[in-house]
Amino acid sequence: PAELTIWLGDSGVIKKYKLTRSSGNRELDASVESAAKAVR
């Protein structure tokens, strides 16, 4: 599993996110980071 941590601000705004544990698979990790980037 890839583990993503997000930090929340007011009204559910995502202030920051970080891939906190790699899955060991570059494609999976990149897809998780791409999803996090797309959600504001």
PDB file of all heavy atoms in Angstrom:
ATOM      1  N   PRO A   1       0.831  -1.207   0.000  1.00  0.00           N
ATOM      2  CA  PRO A   1       0.000   0.000   0.000  1.00  0.00           C
ATOM      3  C   PRO A   1       0.870   1.263   0.000  1.00  0.00           C
ATOM      4  O   PRO A   1       1.945   1.278   0.591  1.00  0.00           O
ATOM      5  CB  PRO A   1      -0.787  -0.094   1.304  1.00  0.00           C
ATOM      6  CG  PRO A   1      -0.750  -1.536   1.681  1.00  0.00           C
ATOM      7  CD  PRO A   1       0.560  -2.056   1.158  1.00  0.00           C
ATOM      8  N   ALA A   2       0.390   2.280  -0.684  1.00  0.00           N
ATOM      9  CA  ALA A   2       1.019   3.598  -0.622  1.00  0.00           C
ATOM     10  C   ALA A   2       0.264   4.395   0.435  1.00  0.00           C
ATOM     11  O   ALA A   2      -0.965   4.341   0.501  1.00  0.00           O
ATOM     12  CB  ALA A   2       0.938   4.296  -1.970  1.00  0.00           C
ATOM     13  N   GLU A   3       0.991   5.121   1.264  1.00  0.00           N
ATOM     14  CA  GLU A   3       0.358   5.871   2.350  1.00  0.00           C
ATOM     15  C   GLU A   3       0.510   7.364   2.081  1.00  0.00           C
ATOM     16  O   GLU A   3       1.623   7.852   1.848  1.00  0.00           O
ATOM     17  CB  GLU A   3       1.020   5.511   3.668  1.00  0.00           C
ATOM     18  CG  GLU A   3       0.421   6.199   4.871  1.00  0.00           C
ATOM     19  CD  GLU A   3       1.108   5.788   6.147  1.00  0.00           C
ATOM     20  OE1 GLU A   3       0.737   4.738   6.707  1.00  0.00           O
ATOM     21  OE2 GLU A   3       2.054   6.509   6.547  1.00  0.00           O
ATOM     22  N   LEU A   4      -0.614   8.067   2.110  1.00  0.00           N
ATOM     23  CA  LEU A   4      -0.648   9.504   1.867  1.00  0.00           C
ATOM     24  C   LEU A   4      -1.179  10.193   3.116  1.00  0.00           C
ATOM     25  O   LEU A   4      -2.207   9.784   3.655  1.00  0.00           O
ATOM     26  CB  LEU A   4      -1.555   9.817   0.676  1.00  0.00           C
ATOM     27  CG  LEU A   4      -1.673  11.288   0.314  1.00  0.00           C
ATOM     28  CD1 LEU A   4      -0.436  11.732  -0.449  1.00  0.00           C
ATOM     29  CD2 LEU A   4      -2.920  11.534  -0.505  1.00  0.00           C
ATOM     30  N   THR A   5      -0.487  11.220   3.573  1.00  0.00           N
ATOM     31  CA  THR A   5      -0.969  12.020   4.692  1.00  0.00           C
ATOM     32  C   THR A   5      -1.362  13.386   4.157  1.00  0.00           C
ATOM     33  O   THR A   5      -0.616  13.979   3.360  1.00  0.00           O
ATOM     34  CB  THR A   5       0.109  12.158   5.789  1.00  0.00           C
ATOM     35  OG1 THR A   5       0.437  10.854   6.259  1.00  0.00           O
ATOM     36  CG2 THR A   5      -0.393  12.992   6.955  1.00  0.00           C
ATOM     37  N   ILE A   6      -2.551  13.848   4.578  1.00  0.00           N
ATOM     38  CA  ILE A   6      -2.996  15.184   4.188  1.00  0.00           C
ATOM     39  C   ILE A   6      -3.240  16.010   5.443  1.00  0.00           C
ATOM     40  O   ILE A   6      -3.619  15.485   6.484  1.00  0.00           O
ATOM     41  CB  ILE A   6      -4.256  15.148   3.302  1.00  0.00           C
ATOM     42  CG1 ILE A   6      -5.421  14.468   4.009  1.00  0.00           C
ATOM     43  CG2 ILE A   6      -3.977  14.488   1.977  1.00  0.00           C
ATOM     44  CD1 ILE A   6      -6.726  14.553   3.256  1.00  0.00           C
ATOM     45  N   TRP A   7      -2.978  17.292   5.325  1.00  0.00           N
ATOM     46  CA  TRP A   7      -3.203  18.248   6.401  1.00  0.00           C
ATOM     47  C   TRP A   7      -4.384  19.119   6.000  1.00  0.00           C
ATOM     48  O   TRP A   7      -4.398  19.700   4.911  1.00  0.00           O
ATOM     49  CB  TRP A   7      -1.961  19.112   6.615  1.00  0.00           C
ATOM     50  CG  TRP A   7      -0.856  18.392   7.300  1.00  0.00           C
ATOM     51  CD1 TRP A   7      -0.548  18.457   8.621  1.00  0.00           C
ATOM     52  CD2 TRP A   7       0.103  17.487   6.723  1.00  0.00           C
ATOM     53  NE1 TRP A   7       0.528  17.650   8.905  1.00  0.00           N
ATOM     54  CE2 TRP A   7       0.953  17.042   7.753  1.00  0.00           C
ATOM     55  CE3 TRP A   7       0.321  17.004   5.431  1.00  0.00           C
ATOM     56  CZ2 TRP A   7       2.001  16.153   7.536  1.00  0.00           C
ATOM     57  CZ3 TRP A   7       1.349  16.111   5.208  1.00  0.00           C
ATOM     58  CH2 TRP A   7       2.180  15.692   6.252  1.00  0.00           C
ATOM     59  N   LEU A   8      -5.371  19.204   6.882  1.00  0.00           N
ATOM     60  CA  LEU A   8      -6.602  19.927   6.584  1.00  0.00           C
ATOM     61  C   LEU A   8      -6.588  21.343   7.149  1.00  0.00           C
ATOM     62  O   LEU A   8      -6.107  21.583   8.246  1.00  0.00           O
ATOM     63  CB  LEU A   8      -7.804  19.188   7.183  1.00  0.00           C
ATOM     64  CG  LEU A   8      -8.103  17.813   6.606  1.00  0.00           C
ATOM     65  CD1 LEU A   8      -9.208  17.143   7.411  1.00  0.00           C
ATOM     66  CD2 LEU A   8      -8.496  17.930   5.143  1.00  0.00           C
ATOM     67  N   GLY A   9      -7.178  22.237   6.375  1.00  0.00           N
ATOM     68  CA  GLY A   9      -7.416  23.601   6.826  1.00  0.00           C
ATOM     69  C   GLY A   9      -8.909  23.822   6.962  1.00  0.00           C
ATOM     70  O   GLY A   9      -9.706  22.875   6.885  1.00  0.00           O
ATOM     71  N   ASP A  10      -9.297  25.064   7.141  1.00  0.00           N
ATOM     72  CA  ASP A  10     -10.705  25.411   7.284  1.00  0.00           C
ATOM     73  C   ASP A  10     -11.531  24.910   6.105  1.00  0.00           C
ATOM     74  O   ASP A  10     -11.061  24.896   4.967  1.00  0.00           O
ATOM     75  CB  ASP A  10     -10.860  26.935   7.388  1.00  0.00           C
ATOM     76  CG  ASP A  10     -10.216  27.491   8.649  1.00  0.00           C
ATOM     77  OD1 ASP A  10     -10.016  26.709   9.607  1.00  0.00           O
ATOM     78  OD2 ASP A  10      -9.910  28.696   8.670  1.00  0.00           O
ATOM     79  N   SER A  11     -12.734  24.497   6.400  1.00  0.00           N
ATOM     80  CA  SER A  11     -13.708  24.046   5.398  1.00  0.00           C
ATOM     81  C   SER A  11     -13.232  22.847   4.584  1.00  0.00           C
ATOM     82  O   SER A  11     -13.698  22.631   3.478  1.00  0.00           O
ATOM     83  CB  SER A  11     -14.095  25.185   4.454  1.00  0.00           C
ATOM     84  OG  SER A  11     -14.620  26.267   5.177  1.00  0.00           O
ATOM     85  N   GLY A  12     -12.271  22.095   5.110  1.00  0.00           N
ATOM     86  CA  GLY A  12     -11.808  20.899   4.414  1.00  0.00           C
ATOM     87  C   GLY A  12     -10.780  21.149   3.330  1.00  0.00           C
ATOM     88  O   GLY A  12     -10.483  20.260   2.533  1.00  0.00           O
ATOM     89  N   VAL A  13     -10.224  22.363   3.288  1.00  0.00           N
ATOM     90  CA  VAL A  13      -9.193  22.682   2.308  1.00  0.00           C
ATOM     91  C   VAL A  13      -7.941  21.864   2.636  1.00  0.00           C
ATOM     92  O   VAL A  13      -7.540  21.753   3.791  1.00  0.00           O
ATOM     93  CB  VAL A  13      -8.860  24.190   2.333  1.00  0.00           C
ATOM     94  CG1 VAL A  13      -7.645  24.510   1.481  1.00  0.00           C
ATOM     95  CG2 VAL A  13     -10.057  24.994   1.874  1.00  0.00           C
ATOM     96  N   ILE A  14      -7.339  21.292   1.613  1.00  0.00           N
ATOM     97  CA  ILE A  14      -6.104  20.540   1.811  1.00  0.00           C
ATOM     98  C   ILE A  14      -4.937  21.528   1.769  1.00  0.00           C
ATOM     99  O   ILE A  14      -4.654  22.119   0.730  1.00  0.00           O
ATOM    100  CB  ILE A  14      -5.944  19.432   0.758  1.00  0.00           C
ATOM    101  CG1 ILE A  14      -7.070  18.407   0.941  1.00  0.00           C
ATOM    102  CG2 ILE A  14      -4.567  18.769   0.878  1.00  0.00           C
ATOM    103  CD1 ILE A  14      -7.086  17.303  -0.075  1.00  0.00           C
ATOM    104  N   LYS A  15      -4.310  21.704   2.916  1.00  0.00           N
ATOM    105  CA  LYS A  15      -3.201  22.654   3.029  1.00  0.00           C
ATOM    106  C   LYS A  15      -1.897  22.060   2.501  1.00  0.00           C
ATOM    107  O   LYS A  15      -1.066  22.764   1.943  1.00  0.00           O
ATOM    108  CB  LYS A  15      -3.012  23.075   4.487  1.00  0.00           C
ATOM    109  CG  LYS A  15      -4.173  23.873   5.026  1.00  0.00           C
ATOM    110  CD  LYS A  15      -4.112  24.232   6.494  1.00  0.00           C
ATOM    111  CE  LYS A  15      -2.818  24.173   7.187  1.00  0.00           C
ATOM    112  NZ  LYS A  15      -2.873  24.577   8.600  1.00  0.00           N
ATOM    113  N   LYS A  16      -1.754  20.762   2.725  1.00  0.00           N
ATOM    114  CA  LYS A  16      -0.498  20.099   2.365  1.00  0.00           C
ATOM    115  C   LYS A  16      -0.767  18.607   2.260  1.00  0.00           C
ATOM    116  O   LYS A  16      -1.672  18.088   2.899  1.00  0.00           O
ATOM    117  CB  LYS A  16       0.519  20.387   3.473  1.00  0.00           C
ATOM    118  CG  LYS A  16       1.872  19.773   3.320  1.00  0.00           C
ATOM    119  CD  LYS A  16       2.746  20.229   4.486  1.00  0.00           C
ATOM    120  CE  LYS A  16       3.778  19.205   4.832  1.00  0.00           C
ATOM    121  NZ  LYS A  16       4.611  19.560   5.973  1.00  0.00           N
ATOM    122  N   TYR A  17       0.016  17.929   1.454  1.00  0.00           N
ATOM    123  CA  TYR A  17      -0.045  16.473   1.385  1.00  0.00           C
ATOM    124  C   TYR A  17       1.359  15.933   1.164  1.00  0.00           C
ATOM    125  O   TYR A  17       2.236  16.631   0.666  1.00  0.00           O
ATOM    126  CB  TYR A  17      -0.994  15.994   0.276  1.00  0.00           C
ATOM    127  CG  TYR A  17      -0.522  16.349  -1.114  1.00  0.00           C
ATOM    128  CD1 TYR A  17       0.353  15.535  -1.809  1.00  0.00           C
ATOM    129  CD2 TYR A  17      -0.954  17.518  -1.728  1.00  0.00           C
ATOM    130  CE1 TYR A  17       0.795  15.863  -3.081  1.00  0.00           C
ATOM    131  CE2 TYR A  17      -0.527  17.863  -2.993  1.00  0.00           C
ATOM    132  CZ  TYR A  17       0.347  17.031  -3.662  1.00  0.00           C
ATOM    133  OH  TYR A  17       0.789  17.366  -4.910  1.00  0.00           O
ATOM    134  N   LYS A  18       1.553  14.692   1.592  1.00  0.00           N
ATOM    135  CA  LYS A  18       2.862  14.064   1.425  1.00  0.00           C
ATOM    136  C   LYS A  18       2.691  12.554   1.334  1.00  0.00           C
ATOM    137  O   LYS A  18       1.927  11.964   2.092  1.00  0.00           O
ATOM    138  CB  LYS A  18       3.745  14.411   2.624  1.00  0.00           C
ATOM    139  CG  LYS A  18       5.140  13.836   2.543  1.00  0.00           C
ATOM    140  CD  LYS A  18       5.974  14.240   3.736  1.00  0.00           C
ATOM    141  CE  LYS A  18       7.365  13.638   3.610  1.00  0.00           C
ATOM    142  NZ  LYS A  18       8.197  13.977   4.758  1.00  0.00           N
ATOM    143  N   LEU A  19       3.403  11.949   0.416  1.00  0.00           N
ATOM    144  CA  LEU A  19       3.462  10.493   0.346  1.00  0.00           C
ATOM    145  C   LEU A  19       4.350  10.053   1.505  1.00  0.00           C
ATOM    146  O   LEU A  19       5.561  10.268   1.490  1.00  0.00           O
ATOM    147  CB  LEU A  19       4.047  10.034  -0.993  1.00  0.00           C
ATOM    148  CG  LEU A  19       4.028   8.547  -1.257  1.00  0.00           C
ATOM    149  CD1 LEU A  19       2.594   8.058  -1.441  1.00  0.00           C
ATOM    150  CD2 LEU A  19       4.859   8.204  -2.473  1.00  0.00           C
ATOM    151  N   THR A  20       3.747   9.500   2.544  1.00  0.00           N
ATOM    152  CA  THR A  20       4.489   9.181   3.763  1.00  0.00           C
ATOM    153  C   THR A  20       5.045   7.760   3.779  1.00  0.00           C
ATOM    154  O   THR A  20       5.881   7.442   4.611  1.00  0.00           O
ATOM    155  CB  THR A  20       3.621   9.417   5.017  1.00  0.00           C
ATOM    156  OG1 THR A  20       2.340   8.838   4.830  1.00  0.00           O
ATOM    157  CG2 THR A  20       3.465  10.901   5.286  1.00  0.00           C
ATOM    158  N   ARG A  21       4.555   6.925   2.871  1.00  0.00           N
ATOM    159  CA  ARG A  21       5.144   5.585   2.727  1.00  0.00           C
ATOM    160  C   ARG A  21       4.991   5.157   1.273  1.00  0.00           C
ATOM    161  O   ARG A  21       3.885   5.079   0.753  1.00  0.00           O
ATOM    162  CB  ARG A  21       4.480   4.562   3.632  1.00  0.00           C
ATOM    163  CG  ARG A  21       5.222   3.220   3.569  1.00  0.00           C
ATOM    164  CD  ARG A  21       4.657   2.113   4.431  1.00  0.00           C
ATOM    165  NE  ARG A  21       4.038   2.600   5.645  1.00  0.00           N
ATOM    166  CZ  ARG A  21       2.939   2.055   6.166  1.00  0.00           C
ATOM    167  NH1 ARG A  21       2.363   1.027   5.601  1.00  0.00           N
ATOM    168  NH2 ARG A  21       2.427   2.535   7.281  1.00  0.00           N
ATOM    169  N   SER A  22       6.096   4.866   0.663  1.00  0.00           N
ATOM    170  CA  SER A  22       6.084   4.409  -0.731  1.00  0.00           C
ATOM    171  C   SER A  22       5.576   2.978  -0.821  1.00  0.00           C
ATOM    172  O   SER A  22       5.816   2.166   0.073  1.00  0.00           O
ATOM    173  CB  SER A  22       7.507   4.483  -1.298  1.00  0.00           C
ATOM    174  OG  SER A  22       7.568   3.856  -2.567  1.00  0.00           O
ATOM    175  N   SER A  23       4.918   2.695  -1.923  1.00  0.00           N
ATOM    176  CA  SER A  23       4.452   1.331  -2.176  1.00  0.00           C
ATOM    177  C   SER A  23       5.575   0.451  -2.717  1.00  0.00           C
ATOM    178  O   SER A  23       5.445  -0.764  -2.767  1.00  0.00           O
ATOM    179  CB  SER A  23       3.318   1.361  -3.201  1.00  0.00           C
ATOM    180  OG  SER A  23       3.829   1.768  -4.476  1.00  0.00           O
ATOM    181  N   GLY A  24       6.639   1.092  -3.144  1.00  0.00           N
ATOM    182  CA  GLY A  24       7.710   0.352  -3.800  1.00  0.00           C
ATOM    183  C   GLY A  24       7.498   0.275  -5.309  1.00  0.00           C
ATOM    184  O   GLY A  24       8.314  -0.274  -6.030  1.00  0.00           O
ATOM    185  N   ASN A  25       6.399   0.859  -5.771  1.00  0.00           N
ATOM    186  CA  ASN A  25       6.074   0.862  -7.194  1.00  0.00           C
ATOM    187  C   ASN A  25       5.924   2.316  -7.638  1.00  0.00           C
ATOM    188  O   ASN A  25       5.038   3.024  -7.158  1.00  0.00           O
ATOM    189  CB  ASN A  25       4.781   0.079  -7.437  1.00  0.00           C
ATOM    190  CG  ASN A  25       4.385   0.057  -8.897  1.00  0.00           C
ATOM    191  OD1 ASN A  25       3.897   1.053  -9.417  1.00  0.00           O
ATOM    192  ND2 ASN A  25       4.587  -1.070  -9.547  1.00  0.00           N
ATOM    193  N   ARG A  26       6.785   2.752  -8.539  1.00  0.00           N
ATOM    194  CA  ARG A  26       6.784   4.158  -8.962  1.00  0.00           C
ATOM    195  C   ARG A  26       5.454   4.585  -9.574  1.00  0.00           C
ATOM    196  O   ARG A  26       4.984   5.699  -9.339  1.00  0.00           O
ATOM    197  CB  ARG A  26       7.901   4.412  -9.958  1.00  0.00           C
ATOM    198  CG  ARG A  26       9.249   4.419  -9.327  1.00  0.00           C
ATOM    199  CD  ARG A  26      10.305   4.761 -10.331  1.00  0.00           C
ATOM    200  NE  ARG A  26      11.616   4.608  -9.738  1.00  0.00           N
ATOM    201  CZ  ARG A  26      12.722   4.860 -10.367  1.00  0.00           C
ATOM    202  NH1 ARG A  26      12.701   5.276 -11.609  1.00  0.00           N
ATOM    203  NH2 ARG A  26      13.878   4.706  -9.757  1.00  0.00           N
ATOM    204  N   GLU A  27       4.856   3.718 -10.362  1.00  0.00           N
ATOM    205  CA  GLU A  27       3.598   4.059 -11.025  1.00  0.00           C
ATOM    206  C   GLU A  27       2.466   4.262 -10.011  1.00  0.00           C
ATOM    207  O   GLU A  27       1.693   5.210 -10.107  1.00  0.00           O
ATOM    208  CB  GLU A  27       3.216   2.976 -12.037  1.00  0.00           C
ATOM    209  CG  GLU A  27       2.064   3.366 -12.925  1.00  0.00           C
ATOM    210  CD  GLU A  27       1.753   2.319 -13.980  1.00  0.00           C
ATOM    211  OE1 GLU A  27       2.538   1.368 -14.156  1.00  0.00           O
ATOM    212  OE2 GLU A  27       0.694   2.452 -14.616  1.00  0.00           O
ATOM    213  N   LEU A  28       2.383   3.384  -9.030  1.00  0.00           N
ATOM    214  CA  LEU A  28       1.370   3.520  -7.994  1.00  0.00           C
ATOM    215  C   LEU A  28       1.606   4.788  -7.175  1.00  0.00           C
ATOM    216  O   LEU A  28       0.682   5.568  -6.940  1.00  0.00           O
ATOM    217  CB  LEU A  28       1.360   2.293  -7.076  1.00  0.00           C
ATOM    218  CG  LEU A  28       0.424   2.358  -5.865  1.00  0.00           C
ATOM    219  CD1 LEU A  28      -1.011   2.640  -6.271  1.00  0.00           C
ATOM    220  CD2 LEU A  28       0.514   1.071  -5.062  1.00  0.00           C
ATOM    221  N   ASP A  29       2.832   5.019  -6.753  1.00  0.00           N
ATOM    222  CA  ASP A  29       3.139   6.221  -5.972  1.00  0.00           C
ATOM    223  C   ASP A  29       2.799   7.492  -6.754  1.00  0.00           C
ATOM    224  O   ASP A  29       2.219   8.432  -6.211  1.00  0.00           O
ATOM    225  CB  ASP A  29       4.610   6.242  -5.562  1.00  0.00           C
ATOM    226  CG  ASP A  29       4.962   5.166  -4.553  1.00  0.00           C
ATOM    227  OD1 ASP A  29       4.042   4.538  -3.988  1.00  0.00           O
ATOM    228  OD2 ASP A  29       6.176   4.957  -4.319  1.00  0.00           O
ATOM    229  N   ALA A  30       3.143   7.511  -8.026  1.00  0.00           N
ATOM    230  CA  ALA A  30       2.851   8.685  -8.860  1.00  0.00           C
ATOM    231  C   ALA A  30       1.342   8.896  -8.998  1.00  0.00           C
ATOM    232  O   ALA A  30       0.868  10.038  -8.990  1.00  0.00           O
ATOM    233  CB  ALA A  30       3.495   8.534 -10.239  1.00  0.00           C
ATOM    234  N   SER A  31       0.580   7.817  -9.100  1.00  0.00           N
ATOM    235  CA  SER A  31      -0.881   7.962  -9.235  1.00  0.00           C
ATOM    236  C   SER A  31      -1.493   8.516  -7.951  1.00  0.00           C
ATOM    237  O   SER A  31      -2.434   9.312  -7.998  1.00  0.00           O
ATOM    238  CB  SER A  31      -1.534   6.626  -9.611  1.00  0.00           C
ATOM    239  OG  SER A  31      -1.564   5.733  -8.514  1.00  0.00           O
ATOM    240  N   VAL A  32      -0.963   8.131  -6.806  1.00  0.00           N
ATOM    241  CA  VAL A  32      -1.451   8.640  -5.517  1.00  0.00           C
ATOM    242  C   VAL A  32      -1.139  10.133  -5.398  1.00  0.00           C
ATOM    243  O   VAL A  32      -1.997  10.932  -5.025  1.00  0.00           O
ATOM    244  CB  VAL A  32      -0.833   7.841  -4.351  1.00  0.00           C
ATOM    245  CG1 VAL A  32      -1.102   8.521  -3.019  1.00  0.00           C
ATOM    246  CG2 VAL A  32      -1.365   6.418  -4.349  1.00  0.00           C
ATOM    247  N   GLU A  33       0.075  10.520  -5.737  1.00  0.00           N
ATOM    248  CA  GLU A  33       0.437  11.933  -5.666  1.00  0.00           C
ATOM    249  C   GLU A  33      -0.356  12.766  -6.663  1.00  0.00           C
ATOM    250  O   GLU A  33      -0.755  13.888  -6.356  1.00  0.00           O
ATOM    251  CB  GLU A  33       1.935  12.106  -5.879  1.00  0.00           C
ATOM    252  CG  GLU A  33       2.734  11.588  -4.695  1.00  0.00           C
ATOM    253  CD  GLU A  33       4.216  11.813  -4.822  1.00  0.00           C
ATOM    254  OE1 GLU A  33       4.791  11.476  -5.880  1.00  0.00           O
ATOM    255  OE2 GLU A  33       4.797  12.344  -3.860  1.00  0.00           O
ATOM    256  N   SER A  34      -0.630  12.215  -7.818  1.00  0.00           N
ATOM    257  CA  SER A  34      -1.442  12.911  -8.819  1.00  0.00           C
ATOM    258  C   SER A  34      -2.868  13.129  -8.309  1.00  0.00           C
ATOM    259  O   SER A  34      -3.447  14.204  -8.491  1.00  0.00           O
ATOM    260  CB  SER A  34      -1.458  12.109 -10.121  1.00  0.00           C
ATOM    261  OG  SER A  34      -2.239  12.749 -11.091  1.00  0.00           O
ATOM    262  N   ALA A  35      -3.425  12.124  -7.657  1.00  0.00           N
ATOM    263  CA  ALA A  35      -4.772  12.254  -7.092  1.00  0.00           C
ATOM    264  C   ALA A  35      -4.794  13.322  -6.010  1.00  0.00           C
ATOM    265  O   ALA A  35      -5.710  14.153  -5.945  1.00  0.00           O
ATOM    266  CB  ALA A  35      -5.239  10.912  -6.527  1.00  0.00           C
ATOM    267  N   ALA A  36      -3.784  13.336  -5.155  1.00  0.00           N
ATOM    268  CA  ALA A  36      -3.723  14.326  -4.076  1.00  0.00           C
ATOM    269  C   ALA A  36      -3.607  15.737  -4.632  1.00  0.00           C
ATOM    270  O   ALA A  36      -4.248  16.671  -4.133  1.00  0.00           O
ATOM    271  CB  ALA A  36      -2.546  14.020  -3.155  1.00  0.00           C
ATOM    272  N   LYS A  37      -2.832  15.879  -5.666  1.00  0.00           N
ATOM    273  CA  LYS A  37      -2.641  17.197  -6.283  1.00  0.00           C
ATOM    274  C   LYS A  37      -3.944  17.720  -6.892  1.00  0.00           C
ATOM    275  O   LYS A  37      -4.207  18.923  -6.880  1.00  0.00           O
ATOM    276  CB  LYS A  37      -1.558  17.098  -7.360  1.00  0.00           C
ATOM    277  CG  LYS A  37      -1.202  18.402  -7.992  1.00  0.00           C
ATOM    278  CD  LYS A  37      -0.092  18.219  -9.007  1.00  0.00           C
ATOM    279  CE  LYS A  37       0.286  19.541  -9.637  1.00  0.00           C
ATOM    280  NZ  LYS A  37       1.378  19.379 -10.602  1.00  0.00           N
ATOM    281  N   ALA A  38      -4.776  16.828  -7.390  1.00  0.00           N
ATOM    282  CA  ALA A  38      -6.019  17.214  -8.068  1.00  0.00           C
ATOM    283  C   ALA A  38      -7.125  17.654  -7.100  1.00  0.00           C
ATOM    284  O   ALA A  38      -8.034  18.377  -7.491  1.00  0.00           O
ATOM    285  CB  ALA A  38      -6.523  16.055  -8.927  1.00  0.00           C
ATOM    286  N   VAL A  39      -7.037  17.235  -5.845  1.00  0.00           N
ATOM    287  CA  VAL A  39      -8.089  17.552  -4.871  1.00  0.00           C
ATOM    288  C   VAL A  39      -7.657  18.765  -4.051  1.00  0.00           C
ATOM    289  O   VAL A  39      -6.638  18.721  -3.378  1.00  0.00           O
ATOM    290  CB  VAL A  39      -8.364  16.352  -3.934  1.00  0.00           C
ATOM    291  CG1 VAL A  39      -9.407  16.709  -2.884  1.00  0.00           C
ATOM    292  CG2 VAL A  39      -8.810  15.145  -4.736  1.00  0.00           C
ATOM    293  N   ARG A  40      -8.429  19.817  -4.124  1.00  0.00           N
ATOM    294  CA  ARG A  40      -8.104  21.037  -3.384  1.00  0.00           C
ATOM    295  C   ARG A  40      -8.830  21.103  -2.038  1.00  0.00           C
ATOM    296  O   ARG A  40      -8.378  21.727  -1.111  1.00  0.00           O
ATOM    297  CB  ARG A  40      -8.484  22.270  -4.198  1.00  0.00           C
ATOM    298  CG  ARG A  40      -7.888  22.299  -5.572  1.00  0.00           C
ATOM    299  CD  ARG A  40      -6.639  23.115  -5.557  1.00  0.00           C
ATOM    300  NE  ARG A  40      -6.157  23.303  -6.916  1.00  0.00           N
ATOM    301  CZ  ARG A  40      -4.939  23.028  -7.285  1.00  0.00           C
ATOM    302  NH1 ARG A  40      -4.103  22.542  -6.415  1.00  0.00           N
ATOM    303  NH2 ARG A  40      -4.547  23.217  -8.508  1.00  0.00           N
TER     304      ARG A  40
END
